[in-house]
């Protein structure tokens, strides 16, 4: 009878982790926060520009946004999320995600609803950081609009 002997190789990562040097996780996180803080102003400018791009979309004559217009709204609101996400601008991300929901082919193309979301994005960006109650109220109202305008999602049989 033969015996199988297994020789375990040590991974390169475990070798690197065991070596002295580097920085602690706390110091690394503090540096990352400082780096992000330095870029927040630029990110806010990008968010403002993306919101301005959304506001520049011409209102359709019949009040119904179709095809390419909906895609433009979706791309613009996704760009807001991309720029605001790393900087803890959750309210802007939530409102932009709601706009994505409205424009993602759900059949909702009422320009008035989309315009309300765009105006809410402008307002959220302009509000001071300490206006927490106002931000929450805006998000609640947008959620109410989405709930009324989006078709119900089919619930899986449980």
N, C-alpha and C. Protein backbone atom coordinates (compact mmCIF):
# COMPACT_ATOMS: atom_id res chain seq x y z
N UNK A 1 0.82 -1.15 0.00
CA UNK A 1 0.00 0.00 0.00
C UNK A 1 0.88 1.24 0.00
N UNK A 2 0.50 2.21 -0.80
CA UNK A 2 1.30 3.42 -0.88
C UNK A 2 0.59 4.57 -0.17
N UNK A 3 1.35 5.51 0.33
CA UNK A 3 0.82 6.66 1.05
C UNK A 3 1.08 7.90 0.21
N UNK A 4 0.05 8.68 0.05
CA UNK A 4 0.19 9.92 -0.70
C UNK A 4 0.59 11.03 0.25
N UNK A 5 1.67 11.67 -0.06
CA UNK A 5 2.13 12.79 0.76
C UNK A 5 1.89 14.07 -0.01
N UNK A 6 1.29 14.97 0.66
CA UNK A 6 0.96 16.24 0.02
C UNK A 6 1.89 17.32 0.55
N UNK A 7 2.52 18.01 -0.34
CA UNK A 7 3.40 19.11 0.05
C UNK A 7 2.67 20.41 -0.29
N UNK A 8 2.37 21.16 0.74
CA UNK A 8 1.62 22.38 0.53
C UNK A 8 2.57 23.52 0.21
N UNK A 9 2.31 24.17 -0.93
CA UNK A 9 3.12 25.31 -1.32
C UNK A 9 2.58 26.57 -0.66
N UNK A 10 3.45 27.40 -0.28
CA UNK A 10 3.07 28.67 0.32
C UNK A 10 2.81 29.67 -0.81
N UNK A 11 1.67 30.34 -0.75
CA UNK A 11 1.33 31.30 -1.81
C UNK A 11 2.20 32.54 -1.72
N UNK A 12 2.32 33.20 -2.84
CA UNK A 12 3.11 34.43 -2.89
C UNK A 12 2.47 35.51 -2.01
N UNK A 13 1.13 35.55 -2.00
CA UNK A 13 0.43 36.55 -1.19
C UNK A 13 0.72 36.36 0.29
N UNK A 14 0.69 35.12 0.76
CA UNK A 14 0.96 34.90 2.19
C UNK A 14 2.40 35.28 2.53
N UNK A 15 3.31 35.09 1.60
CA UNK A 15 4.70 35.49 1.82
C UNK A 15 4.80 37.01 1.92
N UNK A 16 4.10 37.71 1.02
CA UNK A 16 4.14 39.17 1.05
C UNK A 16 3.49 39.74 2.30
N UNK A 17 2.40 39.14 2.73
CA UNK A 17 1.70 39.62 3.92
C UNK A 17 2.57 39.46 5.16
N UNK A 18 3.33 38.41 5.22
CA UNK A 18 4.19 38.17 6.38
C UNK A 18 5.41 39.07 6.44
N UNK A 19 5.76 39.74 5.35
CA UNK A 19 6.94 40.59 5.35
C UNK A 19 6.65 41.91 6.07
N UNK A 20 7.65 42.44 6.75
CA UNK A 20 7.46 43.73 7.43
C UNK A 20 7.38 44.87 6.42
N UNK A 21 6.78 45.97 6.86
CA UNK A 21 6.66 47.14 5.98
C UNK A 21 5.21 47.40 5.63
N UNK A 22 4.99 48.36 4.78
CA UNK A 22 3.63 48.69 4.39
C UNK A 22 2.98 49.60 5.40
N UNK A 23 1.66 49.69 5.32
CA UNK A 23 0.92 50.55 6.23
C UNK A 23 -0.25 49.76 6.81
N UNK A 24 -0.73 50.24 7.93
CA UNK A 24 -1.88 49.57 8.55
C UNK A 24 -3.15 49.91 7.78
N UNK A 25 -4.18 49.13 8.00
CA UNK A 25 -5.46 49.36 7.32
C UNK A 25 -6.03 50.73 7.70
N UNK A 26 -5.91 51.10 8.96
CA UNK A 26 -6.43 52.39 9.41
C UNK A 26 -5.75 53.56 8.72
N UNK A 27 -4.43 53.49 8.59
CA UNK A 27 -3.68 54.55 7.92
C UNK A 27 -4.06 54.58 6.43
N UNK A 28 -4.19 53.42 5.83
CA UNK A 28 -4.57 53.34 4.42
C UNK A 28 -5.95 53.95 4.17
N UNK A 29 -6.90 53.64 5.05
CA UNK A 29 -8.24 54.20 4.91
C UNK A 29 -8.24 55.72 5.12
N UNK A 30 -7.47 56.19 6.07
CA UNK A 30 -7.39 57.63 6.30
C UNK A 30 -6.80 58.34 5.09
N UNK A 31 -5.78 57.76 4.48
CA UNK A 31 -5.20 58.36 3.27
C UNK A 31 -6.20 58.34 2.12
N UNK A 32 -6.93 57.24 1.99
CA UNK A 32 -7.92 57.15 0.91
C UNK A 32 -9.01 58.20 1.09
N UNK A 33 -9.47 58.39 2.34
CA UNK A 33 -10.48 59.43 2.60
C UNK A 33 -9.95 60.82 2.25
N UNK A 34 -8.70 61.08 2.61
CA UNK A 34 -8.10 62.38 2.31
C UNK A 34 -8.00 62.59 0.80
N UNK A 35 -7.62 61.54 0.08
CA UNK A 35 -7.52 61.65 -1.38
C UNK A 35 -8.90 61.89 -2.00
N UNK A 36 -9.92 61.20 -1.49
CA UNK A 36 -11.27 61.40 -2.00
C UNK A 36 -11.78 62.81 -1.69
N UNK A 37 -11.47 63.29 -0.51
CA UNK A 37 -11.92 64.62 -0.10
C UNK A 37 -11.35 65.68 -1.04
N UNK A 38 -10.12 65.48 -1.47
CA UNK A 38 -9.48 66.43 -2.38
C UNK A 38 -10.17 66.45 -3.75
N UNK A 39 -10.83 65.35 -4.13
CA UNK A 39 -11.48 65.27 -5.43
C UNK A 39 -12.97 65.54 -5.39
N UNK A 40 -13.54 65.76 -4.21
CA UNK A 40 -14.98 65.92 -4.10
C UNK A 40 -15.49 67.16 -4.84
N UNK A 41 -14.75 68.24 -4.82
CA UNK A 41 -15.17 69.45 -5.53
C UNK A 41 -15.29 69.20 -7.02
N UNK A 42 -14.31 68.51 -7.57
CA UNK A 42 -14.35 68.18 -8.99
C UNK A 42 -15.53 67.26 -9.30
N UNK A 43 -15.79 66.32 -8.41
CA UNK A 43 -16.91 65.40 -8.61
C UNK A 43 -18.24 66.16 -8.59
N UNK A 44 -18.38 67.11 -7.70
CA UNK A 44 -19.61 67.91 -7.65
C UNK A 44 -19.79 68.72 -8.94
N UNK A 45 -18.68 69.21 -9.51
CA UNK A 45 -18.77 69.92 -10.79
C UNK A 45 -19.23 68.97 -11.90
N UNK A 46 -18.72 67.75 -11.89
CA UNK A 46 -19.13 66.76 -12.89
C UNK A 46 -20.61 66.43 -12.72
N UNK A 47 -21.04 66.24 -11.48
CA UNK A 47 -22.46 65.95 -11.21
C UNK A 47 -23.32 67.12 -11.71
N UNK A 48 -22.91 68.34 -11.42
CA UNK A 48 -23.67 69.51 -11.86
C UNK A 48 -23.76 69.56 -13.38
N UNK A 49 -22.67 69.22 -14.05
CA UNK A 49 -22.68 69.22 -15.51
C UNK A 49 -23.60 68.13 -16.07
N UNK A 50 -23.57 66.95 -15.45
CA UNK A 50 -24.45 65.86 -15.91
C UNK A 50 -25.92 66.22 -15.70
N UNK A 51 -26.23 66.87 -14.58
CA UNK A 51 -27.60 67.30 -14.33
C UNK A 51 -28.00 68.37 -15.35
N UNK A 52 -27.07 69.29 -15.66
CA UNK A 52 -27.35 70.31 -16.68
C UNK A 52 -27.60 69.66 -18.04
N UNK A 53 -26.83 68.61 -18.35
CA UNK A 53 -27.05 67.87 -19.60
C UNK A 53 -28.44 67.25 -19.63
N UNK A 54 -28.86 66.69 -18.50
CA UNK A 54 -30.20 66.11 -18.42
C UNK A 54 -31.27 67.21 -18.62
N UNK A 55 -31.05 68.36 -17.99
CA UNK A 55 -32.02 69.45 -18.10
C UNK A 55 -32.07 70.02 -19.50
N UNK A 56 -31.01 69.84 -20.27
CA UNK A 56 -30.96 70.37 -21.64
C UNK A 56 -31.67 69.47 -22.64
N UNK A 57 -32.09 68.30 -22.22
CA UNK A 57 -32.82 67.42 -23.14
C UNK A 57 -34.13 68.12 -23.48
N UNK A 58 -34.41 68.29 -24.76
CA UNK A 58 -35.63 69.02 -25.12
C UNK A 58 -36.89 68.23 -24.77
N UNK A 59 -37.86 68.95 -24.27
CA UNK A 59 -39.15 68.33 -23.94
C UNK A 59 -39.85 67.93 -25.23
N UNK A 60 -40.35 66.72 -25.29
CA UNK A 60 -41.05 66.30 -26.52
C UNK A 60 -42.36 67.07 -26.68
N UNK A 61 -42.73 67.30 -27.93
CA UNK A 61 -43.95 68.07 -28.24
C UNK A 61 -45.20 67.44 -27.63
N UNK A 62 -45.27 66.10 -27.69
CA UNK A 62 -46.46 65.42 -27.21
C UNK A 62 -46.36 65.01 -25.74
N UNK A 63 -45.24 65.36 -25.08
CA UNK A 63 -45.06 65.04 -23.67
C UNK A 63 -44.63 63.62 -23.40
N UNK A 64 -44.34 62.88 -24.48
CA UNK A 64 -43.95 61.47 -24.33
C UNK A 64 -42.53 61.32 -24.86
N UNK A 65 -41.64 60.89 -24.00
CA UNK A 65 -40.25 60.67 -24.39
C UNK A 65 -40.10 59.23 -24.87
N UNK A 66 -39.44 59.05 -26.00
CA UNK A 66 -39.30 57.71 -26.58
C UNK A 66 -37.85 57.38 -26.83
N UNK A 67 -37.61 56.14 -27.21
CA UNK A 67 -36.34 55.57 -27.64
C UNK A 67 -35.08 56.28 -27.24
N UNK A 68 -34.53 57.06 -28.16
CA UNK A 68 -33.24 57.71 -27.95
C UNK A 68 -33.29 58.70 -26.78
N UNK A 69 -34.40 59.39 -26.62
CA UNK A 69 -34.54 60.31 -25.49
C UNK A 69 -34.47 59.60 -24.16
N UNK A 70 -35.13 58.45 -24.06
CA UNK A 70 -35.07 57.66 -22.82
C UNK A 70 -33.66 57.15 -22.57
N UNK A 71 -32.98 56.74 -23.65
CA UNK A 71 -31.60 56.27 -23.50
C UNK A 71 -30.70 57.40 -23.01
N UNK A 72 -30.92 58.60 -23.53
CA UNK A 72 -30.13 59.76 -23.10
C UNK A 72 -30.37 60.06 -21.62
N UNK A 73 -31.62 59.96 -21.18
CA UNK A 73 -31.94 60.17 -19.76
C UNK A 73 -31.26 59.10 -18.92
N UNK A 74 -31.30 57.86 -19.37
CA UNK A 74 -30.68 56.76 -18.62
C UNK A 74 -29.17 56.97 -18.52
N UNK A 75 -28.54 57.29 -19.65
CA UNK A 75 -27.08 57.51 -19.62
C UNK A 75 -26.70 58.67 -18.71
N UNK A 76 -27.47 59.76 -18.77
CA UNK A 76 -27.18 60.93 -17.93
C UNK A 76 -27.34 60.64 -16.45
N UNK A 77 -28.41 59.93 -16.11
CA UNK A 77 -28.62 59.63 -14.69
C UNK A 77 -27.60 58.61 -14.18
N UNK A 78 -27.20 57.68 -15.04
CA UNK A 78 -26.14 56.74 -14.64
C UNK A 78 -24.82 57.47 -14.44
N UNK A 79 -24.56 58.49 -15.26
CA UNK A 79 -23.33 59.29 -15.10
C UNK A 79 -23.34 60.06 -13.78
N UNK A 80 -24.51 60.50 -13.34
CA UNK A 80 -24.62 61.16 -12.03
C UNK A 80 -24.23 60.17 -10.93
N UNK A 81 -24.73 58.96 -11.03
CA UNK A 81 -24.40 57.93 -10.03
C UNK A 81 -22.90 57.65 -10.03
N UNK A 82 -22.32 57.53 -11.22
CA UNK A 82 -20.89 57.26 -11.32
C UNK A 82 -20.05 58.34 -10.67
N UNK A 83 -20.44 59.59 -10.86
CA UNK A 83 -19.65 60.70 -10.31
C UNK A 83 -19.91 60.92 -8.82
N UNK A 84 -21.14 60.68 -8.37
CA UNK A 84 -21.49 60.97 -6.98
C UNK A 84 -21.23 59.80 -6.04
N UNK A 85 -21.24 58.59 -6.55
CA UNK A 85 -21.13 57.39 -5.72
C UNK A 85 -19.94 57.33 -4.79
N UNK A 86 -18.73 57.58 -5.26
CA UNK A 86 -17.57 57.46 -4.38
C UNK A 86 -17.49 58.52 -3.28
N UNK A 87 -18.35 59.52 -3.32
CA UNK A 87 -18.23 60.65 -2.40
C UNK A 87 -19.37 60.73 -1.40
N UNK A 88 -20.04 59.61 -1.15
CA UNK A 88 -21.10 59.51 -0.15
C UNK A 88 -22.21 60.52 -0.39
N UNK A 89 -22.54 60.76 -1.65
CA UNK A 89 -23.66 61.62 -1.99
C UNK A 89 -24.86 60.72 -2.29
N UNK A 90 -25.28 60.00 -1.23
CA UNK A 90 -26.30 58.96 -1.39
C UNK A 90 -27.62 59.48 -1.90
N UNK A 91 -28.02 60.68 -1.45
CA UNK A 91 -29.30 61.20 -1.89
C UNK A 91 -29.32 61.46 -3.40
N UNK A 92 -28.23 61.99 -3.93
CA UNK A 92 -28.15 62.18 -5.38
C UNK A 92 -28.17 60.84 -6.11
N UNK A 93 -27.45 59.87 -5.56
CA UNK A 93 -27.42 58.55 -6.18
C UNK A 93 -28.81 57.90 -6.16
N UNK A 94 -29.53 58.05 -5.05
CA UNK A 94 -30.86 57.48 -4.94
C UNK A 94 -31.82 58.11 -5.95
N UNK A 95 -31.78 59.43 -6.05
CA UNK A 95 -32.66 60.13 -7.00
C UNK A 95 -32.29 59.77 -8.44
N UNK A 96 -30.99 59.69 -8.73
CA UNK A 96 -30.56 59.33 -10.09
C UNK A 96 -30.92 57.89 -10.41
N UNK A 97 -30.83 57.01 -9.42
CA UNK A 97 -31.21 55.61 -9.65
C UNK A 97 -32.70 55.51 -9.94
N UNK A 98 -33.50 56.32 -9.28
CA UNK A 98 -34.93 56.36 -9.57
C UNK A 98 -35.19 56.83 -10.99
N UNK A 99 -34.41 57.80 -11.44
CA UNK A 99 -34.55 58.27 -12.82
C UNK A 99 -34.14 57.18 -13.80
N UNK A 100 -33.12 56.42 -13.46
CA UNK A 100 -32.74 55.27 -14.29
C UNK A 100 -33.90 54.28 -14.37
N UNK A 101 -34.54 54.02 -13.24
CA UNK A 101 -35.68 53.10 -13.22
C UNK A 101 -36.78 53.56 -14.16
N UNK A 102 -37.03 54.87 -14.17
CA UNK A 102 -38.08 55.41 -15.02
C UNK A 102 -37.73 55.32 -16.51
N UNK A 103 -36.45 55.40 -16.82
CA UNK A 103 -36.03 55.47 -18.22
C UNK A 103 -35.55 54.14 -18.78
N UNK A 104 -35.53 53.10 -17.99
CA UNK A 104 -34.88 51.87 -18.45
C UNK A 104 -35.78 50.94 -19.26
N UNK A 105 -36.78 51.47 -19.87
CA UNK A 105 -37.62 50.63 -20.70
C UNK A 105 -38.83 50.09 -19.98
N UNK A 106 -39.15 50.68 -18.85
CA UNK A 106 -40.30 50.21 -18.09
C UNK A 106 -41.61 50.66 -18.72
N UNK A 107 -41.53 51.43 -19.79
CA UNK A 107 -42.73 51.91 -20.45
C UNK A 107 -43.14 53.30 -19.98
N UNK A 108 -42.51 53.80 -18.93
CA UNK A 108 -42.82 55.13 -18.44
C UNK A 108 -42.01 56.13 -19.25
N UNK A 109 -42.67 56.99 -19.93
CA UNK A 109 -41.96 57.97 -20.74
C UNK A 109 -42.62 59.35 -20.63
N UNK A 110 -43.39 59.56 -19.62
CA UNK A 110 -44.05 60.84 -19.38
C UNK A 110 -42.98 61.88 -19.04
N UNK A 111 -42.83 62.86 -19.89
CA UNK A 111 -41.78 63.85 -19.71
C UNK A 111 -41.92 64.60 -18.39
N UNK A 112 -43.15 64.83 -17.94
CA UNK A 112 -43.36 65.57 -16.70
C UNK A 112 -42.71 64.86 -15.51
N UNK A 113 -42.82 63.55 -15.47
CA UNK A 113 -42.24 62.76 -14.37
C UNK A 113 -40.72 62.84 -14.43
N UNK A 114 -40.18 62.72 -15.63
CA UNK A 114 -38.72 62.80 -15.80
C UNK A 114 -38.23 64.19 -15.43
N UNK A 115 -38.95 65.23 -15.86
CA UNK A 115 -38.54 66.60 -15.54
C UNK A 115 -38.56 66.86 -14.03
N UNK A 116 -39.52 66.29 -13.33
CA UNK A 116 -39.58 66.43 -11.87
C UNK A 116 -38.33 65.82 -11.23
N UNK A 117 -37.91 64.66 -11.71
CA UNK A 117 -36.71 64.03 -11.17
C UNK A 117 -35.47 64.86 -11.46
N UNK A 118 -35.38 65.43 -12.65
CA UNK A 118 -34.23 66.26 -12.99
C UNK A 118 -34.19 67.50 -12.08
N UNK A 119 -35.33 68.12 -11.86
CA UNK A 119 -35.38 69.28 -10.97
C UNK A 119 -35.02 68.89 -9.53
N UNK A 120 -35.44 67.70 -9.12
CA UNK A 120 -35.09 67.23 -7.77
C UNK A 120 -33.58 67.03 -7.65
N UNK A 121 -32.95 66.52 -8.71
CA UNK A 121 -31.49 66.38 -8.69
C UNK A 121 -30.82 67.73 -8.52
N UNK A 122 -31.30 68.73 -9.25
CA UNK A 122 -30.75 70.08 -9.12
C UNK A 122 -30.89 70.59 -7.68
N UNK A 123 -32.07 70.39 -7.12
CA UNK A 123 -32.33 70.86 -5.76
C UNK A 123 -31.45 70.13 -4.74
N UNK A 124 -31.33 68.82 -4.88
CA UNK A 124 -30.49 68.05 -3.95
C UNK A 124 -29.04 68.51 -4.00
N UNK A 125 -28.57 68.83 -5.19
CA UNK A 125 -27.19 69.29 -5.32
C UNK A 125 -27.01 70.67 -4.69
N UNK A 126 -28.03 71.51 -4.77
CA UNK A 126 -27.93 72.88 -4.26
C UNK A 126 -28.14 72.98 -2.75
N UNK A 127 -28.84 72.01 -2.16
CA UNK A 127 -29.12 72.08 -0.71
C UNK A 127 -27.83 71.97 0.10
N UNK A 128 -27.78 72.67 1.23
CA UNK A 128 -26.62 72.51 2.11
C UNK A 128 -26.62 71.10 2.73
N UNK A 129 -25.45 70.66 3.13
CA UNK A 129 -25.31 69.30 3.67
C UNK A 129 -26.15 69.07 4.92
N UNK A 130 -26.39 70.12 5.70
CA UNK A 130 -27.14 69.94 6.95
C UNK A 130 -28.66 69.96 6.75
N UNK A 131 -29.14 70.03 5.53
CA UNK A 131 -30.58 70.02 5.23
C UNK A 131 -31.06 68.58 5.09
N UNK A 132 -30.88 67.81 6.13
CA UNK A 132 -31.19 66.38 6.10
C UNK A 132 -32.68 66.13 5.93
N UNK A 133 -33.50 66.82 6.68
CA UNK A 133 -34.95 66.61 6.61
C UNK A 133 -35.49 66.95 5.22
N UNK A 134 -34.99 68.02 4.63
CA UNK A 134 -35.44 68.41 3.29
C UNK A 134 -35.04 67.37 2.26
N UNK A 135 -33.82 66.86 2.38
CA UNK A 135 -33.36 65.81 1.46
C UNK A 135 -34.23 64.56 1.57
N UNK A 136 -34.52 64.17 2.79
CA UNK A 136 -35.35 62.98 3.00
C UNK A 136 -36.75 63.17 2.42
N UNK A 137 -37.31 64.37 2.57
CA UNK A 137 -38.64 64.64 2.04
C UNK A 137 -38.65 64.59 0.51
N UNK A 138 -37.62 65.13 -0.10
CA UNK A 138 -37.52 65.07 -1.57
C UNK A 138 -37.47 63.63 -2.03
N UNK A 139 -36.64 62.82 -1.37
CA UNK A 139 -36.51 61.41 -1.77
C UNK A 139 -37.82 60.65 -1.55
N UNK A 140 -38.52 60.95 -0.47
CA UNK A 140 -39.82 60.31 -0.22
C UNK A 140 -40.83 60.66 -1.31
N UNK A 141 -40.85 61.93 -1.70
CA UNK A 141 -41.76 62.35 -2.75
C UNK A 141 -41.42 61.71 -4.09
N UNK A 142 -40.14 61.61 -4.40
CA UNK A 142 -39.73 60.95 -5.65
C UNK A 142 -40.12 59.47 -5.64
N UNK A 143 -39.95 58.84 -4.50
CA UNK A 143 -40.32 57.43 -4.37
C UNK A 143 -41.83 57.25 -4.57
N UNK A 144 -42.60 58.18 -4.05
CA UNK A 144 -44.05 58.13 -4.22
C UNK A 144 -44.41 58.25 -5.71
N UNK A 145 -43.76 59.16 -6.41
CA UNK A 145 -44.01 59.33 -7.85
C UNK A 145 -43.65 58.05 -8.60
N UNK A 146 -42.50 57.48 -8.30
CA UNK A 146 -42.08 56.25 -8.98
C UNK A 146 -43.06 55.11 -8.70
N UNK A 147 -43.48 54.99 -7.47
CA UNK A 147 -44.42 53.92 -7.10
C UNK A 147 -45.71 54.05 -7.90
N UNK A 148 -46.16 55.27 -8.13
CA UNK A 148 -47.40 55.49 -8.88
C UNK A 148 -47.21 55.28 -10.38
N UNK A 149 -46.03 55.60 -10.90
CA UNK A 149 -45.82 55.58 -12.35
C UNK A 149 -45.23 54.27 -12.87
N UNK A 150 -44.47 53.58 -12.05
CA UNK A 150 -43.86 52.34 -12.53
C UNK A 150 -44.83 51.20 -12.38
N UNK A 151 -44.84 50.28 -13.34
CA UNK A 151 -45.72 49.12 -13.20
C UNK A 151 -45.24 48.26 -12.04
N UNK A 152 -46.16 47.58 -11.34
CA UNK A 152 -45.74 46.74 -10.21
C UNK A 152 -44.85 45.61 -10.68
N UNK A 153 -43.87 45.30 -9.85
CA UNK A 153 -42.95 44.20 -10.14
C UNK A 153 -43.60 42.91 -9.72
N UNK A 154 -43.57 41.92 -10.59
CA UNK A 154 -44.15 40.62 -10.26
C UNK A 154 -43.38 40.01 -9.10
N UNK A 155 -44.10 39.58 -8.09
CA UNK A 155 -43.49 38.95 -6.93
C UNK A 155 -43.35 37.46 -7.21
N UNK A 156 -42.18 36.88 -6.94
CA UNK A 156 -42.04 35.44 -7.14
C UNK A 156 -42.93 34.65 -6.19
N UNK A 157 -43.43 33.55 -6.68
CA UNK A 157 -44.27 32.70 -5.83
C UNK A 157 -43.44 32.16 -4.68
N UNK A 158 -43.95 32.26 -3.50
CA UNK A 158 -43.13 31.95 -2.37
C UNK A 158 -43.60 30.87 -1.57
